[in-house]
């Protein structure tokens, strides 16, 4: 059994903004399926601005671990 651990980090693009994080896990029957899912969800980028040049930045980390 393989578990995909997904961590999402979001930080405000402003100096007075905040930071948020979440963690989720999903089980897969084999390593190939887990790694394929990890590739699909992992990302870095920015959330389009509402008023300022950058509203927020985010990072989605995905890692498979064997149980």
PDB file of N, CA and C in Angstrom:
ATOM      1  N   UNK A   1       0.854  -1.177   0.000  1.00  0.00           N
ATOM      2  CA  UNK A   1       0.000   0.000   0.000  1.00  0.00           C
ATOM      3  C   UNK A   1       0.899   1.240   0.000  1.00  0.00           C
ATOM      4  N   UNK A   2       0.544   2.209  -0.814  1.00  0.00           N
ATOM      5  CA  UNK A   2       1.274   3.480  -0.891  1.00  0.00           C
ATOM      6  C   UNK A   2       0.344   4.622  -0.520  1.00  0.00           C
ATOM      7  N   UNK A   3       0.873   5.591   0.183  1.00  0.00           N
ATOM      8  CA  UNK A   3       0.101   6.761   0.590  1.00  0.00           C
ATOM      9  C   UNK A   3       0.715   8.010  -0.021  1.00  0.00           C
ATOM     10  N   UNK A   4      -0.134   8.792  -0.655  1.00  0.00           N
ATOM     11  CA  UNK A   4       0.280  10.083  -1.195  1.00  0.00           C
ATOM     12  C   UNK A   4      -0.017  11.139  -0.140  1.00  0.00           C
ATOM     13  N   UNK A   5       1.011  11.855   0.273  1.00  0.00           N
ATOM     14  CA  UNK A   5       0.850  12.949   1.228  1.00  0.00           C
ATOM     15  C   UNK A   5       0.940  14.249   0.452  1.00  0.00           C
ATOM     16  N   UNK A   6      -0.083  15.078   0.574  1.00  0.00           N
ATOM     17  CA  UNK A   6      -0.152  16.351  -0.141  1.00  0.00           C
ATOM     18  C   UNK A   6      -0.183  17.471   0.886  1.00  0.00           C
ATOM     19  N   UNK A   7       0.761  18.408   0.756  1.00  0.00           N
ATOM     20  CA  UNK A   7       0.826  19.577   1.635  1.00  0.00           C
ATOM     21  C   UNK A   7       0.666  20.820   0.771  1.00  0.00           C
ATOM     22  N   UNK A   8      -0.273  21.671   1.147  1.00  0.00           N
ATOM     23  CA  UNK A   8      -0.526  22.913   0.423  1.00  0.00           C
ATOM     24  C   UNK A   8      -0.159  24.080   1.325  1.00  0.00           C
ATOM     25  N   UNK A   9       0.730  24.943   0.830  1.00  0.00           N
ATOM     26  CA  UNK A   9       1.132  26.143   1.556  1.00  0.00           C
ATOM     27  C   UNK A   9       0.691  27.360   0.760  1.00  0.00           C
ATOM     28  N   UNK A  10       0.045  28.313   1.416  1.00  0.00           N
ATOM     29  CA  UNK A  10      -0.386  29.555   0.774  1.00  0.00           C
ATOM     30  C   UNK A  10       0.092  30.712   1.632  1.00  0.00           C
ATOM     31  N   UNK A  11       0.717  31.682   0.970  1.00  0.00           N
ATOM     32  CA  UNK A  11       1.215  32.861   1.669  1.00  0.00           C
ATOM     33  C   UNK A  11       0.733  34.112   0.950  1.00  0.00           C
ATOM     34  N   UNK A  12       0.323  35.093   1.725  1.00  0.00           N
ATOM     35  CA  UNK A  12      -0.123  36.358   1.147  1.00  0.00           C
ATOM     36  C   UNK A  12       1.037  37.045   0.453  1.00  0.00           C
ATOM     37  N   UNK A  13       0.748  37.715  -0.652  1.00  0.00           N
ATOM     38  CA  UNK A  13       1.770  38.472  -1.370  1.00  0.00           C
ATOM     39  C   UNK A  13       2.056  39.818  -0.730  1.00  0.00           C
ATOM     40  N   UNK A  14       1.376  40.143   0.353  1.00  0.00           N
ATOM     41  CA  UNK A  14       1.551  41.418   1.023  1.00  0.00           C
ATOM     42  C   UNK A  14       2.302  41.220   2.338  1.00  0.00           C
ATOM     43  N   UNK A  15       3.026  42.250   2.745  1.00  0.00           N
ATOM     44  CA  UNK A  15       3.828  42.146   3.965  1.00  0.00           C
ATOM     45  C   UNK A  15       2.972  41.994   5.232  1.00  0.00           C
ATOM     46  N   UNK A  16       1.726  42.436   5.202  1.00  0.00           N
ATOM     47  CA  UNK A  16       0.862  42.323   6.385  1.00  0.00           C
ATOM     48  C   UNK A  16      -0.067  41.114   6.307  1.00  0.00           C
ATOM     49  N   UNK A  17       0.117  40.258   5.281  1.00  0.00           N
ATOM     50  CA  UNK A  17      -0.757  39.100   5.077  1.00  0.00           C
ATOM     51  C   UNK A  17      -0.373  37.924   5.939  1.00  0.00           C
ATOM     52  N   UNK A  18      -1.114  36.849   5.768  1.00  0.00           N
ATOM     53  CA  UNK A  18      -0.900  35.656   6.574  1.00  0.00           C
ATOM     54  C   UNK A  18      -0.422  34.467   5.764  1.00  0.00           C
ATOM     55  N   UNK A  19      -0.345  33.327   6.450  1.00  0.00           N
ATOM     56  CA  UNK A  19       0.113  32.079   5.856  1.00  0.00           C
ATOM     57  C   UNK A  19      -0.878  30.985   6.253  1.00  0.00           C
ATOM     58  N   UNK A  20      -1.105  30.046   5.329  1.00  0.00           N
ATOM     59  CA  UNK A  20      -2.009  28.936   5.608  1.00  0.00           C
ATOM     60  C   UNK A  20      -1.397  27.646   5.079  1.00  0.00           C
ATOM     61  N   UNK A  21      -1.723  26.535   5.718  1.00  0.00           N
ATOM     62  CA  UNK A  21      -1.253  25.239   5.229  1.00  0.00           C
ATOM     63  C   UNK A  21      -2.296  24.167   5.523  1.00  0.00           C
ATOM     64  N   UNK A  22      -2.328  23.147   4.667  1.00  0.00           N
ATOM     65  CA  UNK A  22      -3.186  21.991   4.890  1.00  0.00           C
ATOM     66  C   UNK A  22      -2.421  20.736   4.486  1.00  0.00           C
ATOM     67  N   UNK A  23      -2.806  19.606   5.063  1.00  0.00           N
ATOM     68  CA  UNK A  23      -2.206  18.331   4.708  1.00  0.00           C
ATOM     69  C   UNK A  23      -3.313  17.316   4.477  1.00  0.00           C
ATOM     70  N   UNK A  24      -3.159  16.531   3.409  1.00  0.00           N
ATOM     71  CA  UNK A  24      -4.119  15.473   3.092  1.00  0.00           C
ATOM     72  C   UNK A  24      -3.355  14.221   2.718  1.00  0.00           C
ATOM     73  N   UNK A  25      -4.006  13.086   2.803  1.00  0.00           N
ATOM     74  CA  UNK A  25      -3.376  11.833   2.364  1.00  0.00           C
ATOM     75  C   UNK A  25      -4.395  10.991   1.618  1.00  0.00           C
ATOM     76  N   UNK A  26      -3.894  10.248   0.618  1.00  0.00           N
ATOM     77  CA  UNK A  26      -4.723   9.379  -0.208  1.00  0.00           C
ATOM     78  C   UNK A  26      -3.973   8.065  -0.377  1.00  0.00           C
ATOM     79  N   UNK A  27      -4.656   6.941  -0.207  1.00  0.00           N
ATOM     80  CA  UNK A  27      -4.034   5.624  -0.359  1.00  0.00           C
ATOM     81  C   UNK A  27      -4.153   5.112  -1.790  1.00  0.00           C
ATOM     82  N   UNK A  28      -3.087   4.449  -2.254  1.00  0.00           N
ATOM     83  CA  UNK A  28      -3.046   3.833  -3.579  1.00  0.00           C
ATOM     84  C   UNK A  28      -2.557   2.393  -3.441  1.00  0.00           C
ATOM     85  N   UNK A  29      -3.004   1.498  -4.344  1.00  0.00           N
ATOM     86  CA  UNK A  29      -2.597   0.100  -4.243  1.00  0.00           C
ATOM     87  C   UNK A  29      -1.154  -0.156  -4.671  1.00  0.00           C
ATOM     88  N   UNK A  30      -0.584   0.744  -5.508  1.00  0.00           N
ATOM     89  CA  UNK A  30       0.789   0.518  -5.951  1.00  0.00           C
ATOM     90  C   UNK A  30       1.533   1.842  -6.164  1.00  0.00           C
ATOM     91  N   UNK A  31       2.854   1.737  -6.243  1.00  0.00           N
ATOM     92  CA  UNK A  31       3.733   2.901  -6.336  1.00  0.00           C
ATOM     93  C   UNK A  31       3.513   3.687  -7.627  1.00  0.00           C
ATOM     94  N   UNK A  32       3.293   3.008  -8.733  1.00  0.00           N
ATOM     95  CA  UNK A  32       3.123   3.679 -10.028  1.00  0.00           C
ATOM     96  C   UNK A  32       1.926   4.624 -10.005  1.00  0.00           C
ATOM     97  N   UNK A  33       0.809   4.166  -9.485  1.00  0.00           N
ATOM     98  CA  UNK A  33      -0.392   5.005  -9.415  1.00  0.00           C
ATOM     99  C   UNK A  33      -0.182   6.178  -8.462  1.00  0.00           C
ATOM    100  N   UNK A  34       0.484   5.931  -7.354  1.00  0.00           N
ATOM    101  CA  UNK A  34       0.745   6.990  -6.388  1.00  0.00           C
ATOM    102  C   UNK A  34       1.630   8.076  -6.995  1.00  0.00           C
ATOM    103  N   UNK A  35       2.714   7.682  -7.656  1.00  0.00           N
ATOM    104  CA  UNK A  35       3.630   8.653  -8.244  1.00  0.00           C
ATOM    105  C   UNK A  35       2.989   9.418  -9.394  1.00  0.00           C
ATOM    106  N   UNK A  36       2.106   8.778 -10.155  1.00  0.00           N
ATOM    107  CA  UNK A  36       1.386   9.472 -11.223  1.00  0.00           C
ATOM    108  C   UNK A  36       0.488  10.564 -10.639  1.00  0.00           C
ATOM    109  N   UNK A  37      -0.193  10.239  -9.552  1.00  0.00           N
ATOM    110  CA  UNK A  37      -1.052  11.227  -8.895  1.00  0.00           C
ATOM    111  C   UNK A  37      -0.219  12.368  -8.305  1.00  0.00           C
ATOM    112  N   UNK A  38       0.934  12.040  -7.732  1.00  0.00           N
ATOM    113  CA  UNK A  38       1.809  13.061  -7.143  1.00  0.00           C
ATOM    114  C   UNK A  38       2.265  14.053  -8.215  1.00  0.00           C
ATOM    115  N   UNK A  39       2.607  13.559  -9.390  1.00  0.00           N
ATOM    116  CA  UNK A  39       3.020  14.439 -10.487  1.00  0.00           C
ATOM    117  C   UNK A  39       1.900  15.383 -10.912  1.00  0.00           C
ATOM    118  N   UNK A  40       0.676  14.879 -10.879  1.00  0.00           N
ATOM    119  CA  UNK A  40      -0.469  15.678 -11.328  1.00  0.00           C
ATOM    120  C   UNK A  40      -0.832  16.801 -10.355  1.00  0.00           C
ATOM    121  N   UNK A  41      -0.644  16.603  -9.066  1.00  0.00           N
ATOM    122  CA  UNK A  41      -1.095  17.612  -8.101  1.00  0.00           C
ATOM    123  C   UNK A  41      -0.007  18.594  -7.681  1.00  0.00           C
ATOM    124  N   UNK A  42       1.256  18.216  -7.797  1.00  0.00           N
ATOM    125  CA  UNK A  42       2.342  19.093  -7.360  1.00  0.00           C
ATOM    126  C   UNK A  42       2.411  20.336  -8.257  1.00  0.00           C
ATOM    127  N   UNK A  43       2.542  21.519  -7.634  1.00  0.00           N
ATOM    128  CA  UNK A  43       2.594  22.768  -8.398  1.00  0.00           C
ATOM    129  C   UNK A  43       3.122  23.900  -7.537  1.00  0.00           C
ATOM    130  N   UNK A  44       3.593  24.948  -8.196  1.00  0.00           N
ATOM    131  CA  UNK A  44       3.965  26.203  -7.555  1.00  0.00           C
ATOM    132  C   UNK A  44       3.397  27.318  -8.410  1.00  0.00           C
ATOM    133  N   UNK A  45       3.049  28.439  -7.803  1.00  0.00           N
ATOM    134  CA  UNK A  45       2.541  29.540  -8.604  1.00  0.00           C
ATOM    135  C   UNK A  45       1.992  30.664  -7.766  1.00  0.00           C
ATOM    136  N   UNK A  46       1.194  31.493  -8.418  1.00  0.00           N
ATOM    137  CA  UNK A  46       0.582  32.610  -7.714  1.00  0.00           C
ATOM    138  C   UNK A  46      -0.901  32.663  -8.041  1.00  0.00           C
ATOM    139  N   UNK A  47      -1.649  33.192  -7.099  1.00  0.00           N
ATOM    140  CA  UNK A  47      -3.087  33.364  -7.270  1.00  0.00           C
ATOM    141  C   UNK A  47      -3.280  34.757  -7.858  1.00  0.00           C
ATOM    142  N   UNK A  48      -4.071  34.880  -8.929  1.00  0.00           N
ATOM    143  CA  UNK A  48      -4.218  36.181  -9.581  1.00  0.00           C
ATOM    144  C   UNK A  48      -4.629  37.279  -8.600  1.00  0.00           C
ATOM    145  N   UNK A  49      -4.071  38.472  -8.806  1.00  0.00           N
ATOM    146  CA  UNK A  49      -4.331  39.576  -7.879  1.00  0.00           C
ATOM    147  C   UNK A  49      -5.747  40.128  -7.975  1.00  0.00           C
ATOM    148  N   UNK A  50      -6.229  40.597  -6.841  1.00  0.00           N
ATOM    149  CA  UNK A  50      -7.499  41.315  -6.808  1.00  0.00           C
ATOM    150  C   UNK A  50      -7.219  42.810  -6.975  1.00  0.00           C
ATOM    151  N   UNK A  51      -6.259  43.320  -6.183  1.00  0.00           N
ATOM    152  CA  UNK A  51      -5.906  44.745  -6.250  1.00  0.00           C
ATOM    153  C   UNK A  51      -4.397  44.910  -6.393  1.00  0.00           C
ATOM    154  N   UNK A  52      -3.636  44.154  -5.650  1.00  0.00           N
ATOM    155  CA  UNK A  52      -2.170  44.281  -5.634  1.00  0.00           C
ATOM    156  C   UNK A  52      -1.538  43.462  -6.760  1.00  0.00           C
ATOM    157  N   UNK A  53      -0.254  43.659  -7.043  1.00  0.00           N
ATOM    158  CA  UNK A  53       0.403  42.896  -8.120  1.00  0.00           C
ATOM    159  C   UNK A  53       0.353  41.380  -7.931  1.00  0.00           C
ATOM    160  N   UNK A  54       0.507  40.898  -6.709  1.00  0.00           N
ATOM    161  CA  UNK A  54       0.383  39.463  -6.426  1.00  0.00           C
ATOM    162  C   UNK A  54      -0.508  39.312  -5.210  1.00  0.00           C
ATOM    163  N   UNK A  55      -1.613  38.602  -5.384  1.00  0.00           N
ATOM    164  CA  UNK A  55      -2.547  38.419  -4.285  1.00  0.00           C
ATOM    165  C   UNK A  55      -2.021  37.387  -3.286  1.00  0.00           C
ATOM    166  N   UNK A  56      -1.466  36.286  -3.789  1.00  0.00           N
ATOM    167  CA  UNK A  56      -0.913  35.250  -2.922  1.00  0.00           C
ATOM    168  C   UNK A  56      -0.038  34.310  -3.744  1.00  0.00           C
ATOM    169  N   UNK A  57       0.855  33.628  -3.070  1.00  0.00           N
ATOM    170  CA  UNK A  57       1.668  32.593  -3.718  1.00  0.00           C
ATOM    171  C   UNK A  57       1.366  31.268  -3.038  1.00  0.00           C
ATOM    172  N   UNK A  58       1.533  30.167  -3.796  1.00  0.00           N
ATOM    173  CA  UNK A  58       1.235  28.868  -3.214  1.00  0.00           C
ATOM    174  C   UNK A  58       2.255  27.834  -3.666  1.00  0.00           C
ATOM    175  N   UNK A  59       2.329  26.780  -2.896  1.00  0.00           N
ATOM    176  CA  UNK A  59       3.161  25.630  -3.229  1.00  0.00           C
ATOM    177  C   UNK A  59       2.404  24.377  -2.814  1.00  0.00           C
ATOM    178  N   UNK A  60       2.288  23.436  -3.738  1.00  0.00           N
ATOM    179  CA  UNK A  60       1.644  22.157  -3.445  1.00  0.00           C
ATOM    180  C   UNK A  60       2.711  21.082  -3.549  1.00  0.00           C
ATOM    181  N   UNK A  61       3.034  20.450  -2.437  1.00  0.00           N
ATOM    182  CA  UNK A  61       4.053  19.401  -2.373  1.00  0.00           C
ATOM    183  C   UNK A  61       3.354  18.058  -2.291  1.00  0.00           C
ATOM    184  N   UNK A  62       3.863  17.090  -3.031  1.00  0.00           N
ATOM    185  CA  UNK A  62       3.262  15.743  -3.024  1.00  0.00           C
ATOM    186  C   UNK A  62       4.382  14.710  -2.927  1.00  0.00           C
ATOM    187  N   UNK A  63       4.211  13.762  -2.012  1.00  0.00           N
ATOM    188  CA  UNK A  63       5.235  12.734  -1.801  1.00  0.00           C
ATOM    189  C   UNK A  63       4.557  11.400  -1.509  1.00  0.00           C
ATOM    190  N   UNK A  64       5.021  10.349  -2.170  1.00  0.00           N
ATOM    191  CA  UNK A  64       4.509   9.006  -1.918  1.00  0.00           C
ATOM    192  C   UNK A  64       5.375   8.300  -0.879  1.00  0.00           C
ATOM    193  N   UNK A  65       4.726   7.601   0.033  1.00  0.00           N
ATOM    194  CA  UNK A  65       5.445   6.813   1.039  1.00  0.00           C
ATOM    195  C   UNK A  65       4.806   5.425   1.114  1.00  0.00           C
ATOM    196  N   UNK A  66       5.648   4.417   1.320  1.00  0.00           N
ATOM    197  CA  UNK A  66       5.142   3.054   1.434  1.00  0.00           C
ATOM    198  C   UNK A  66       4.742   2.776   2.880  1.00  0.00           C
ATOM    199  N   UNK A  67       3.601   2.095   3.030  1.00  0.00           N
ATOM    200  CA  UNK A  67       3.155   1.742   4.378  1.00  0.00           C
ATOM    201  C   UNK A  67       3.226   0.263   4.578  1.00  0.00           C
TER     202      UNK A  67
END
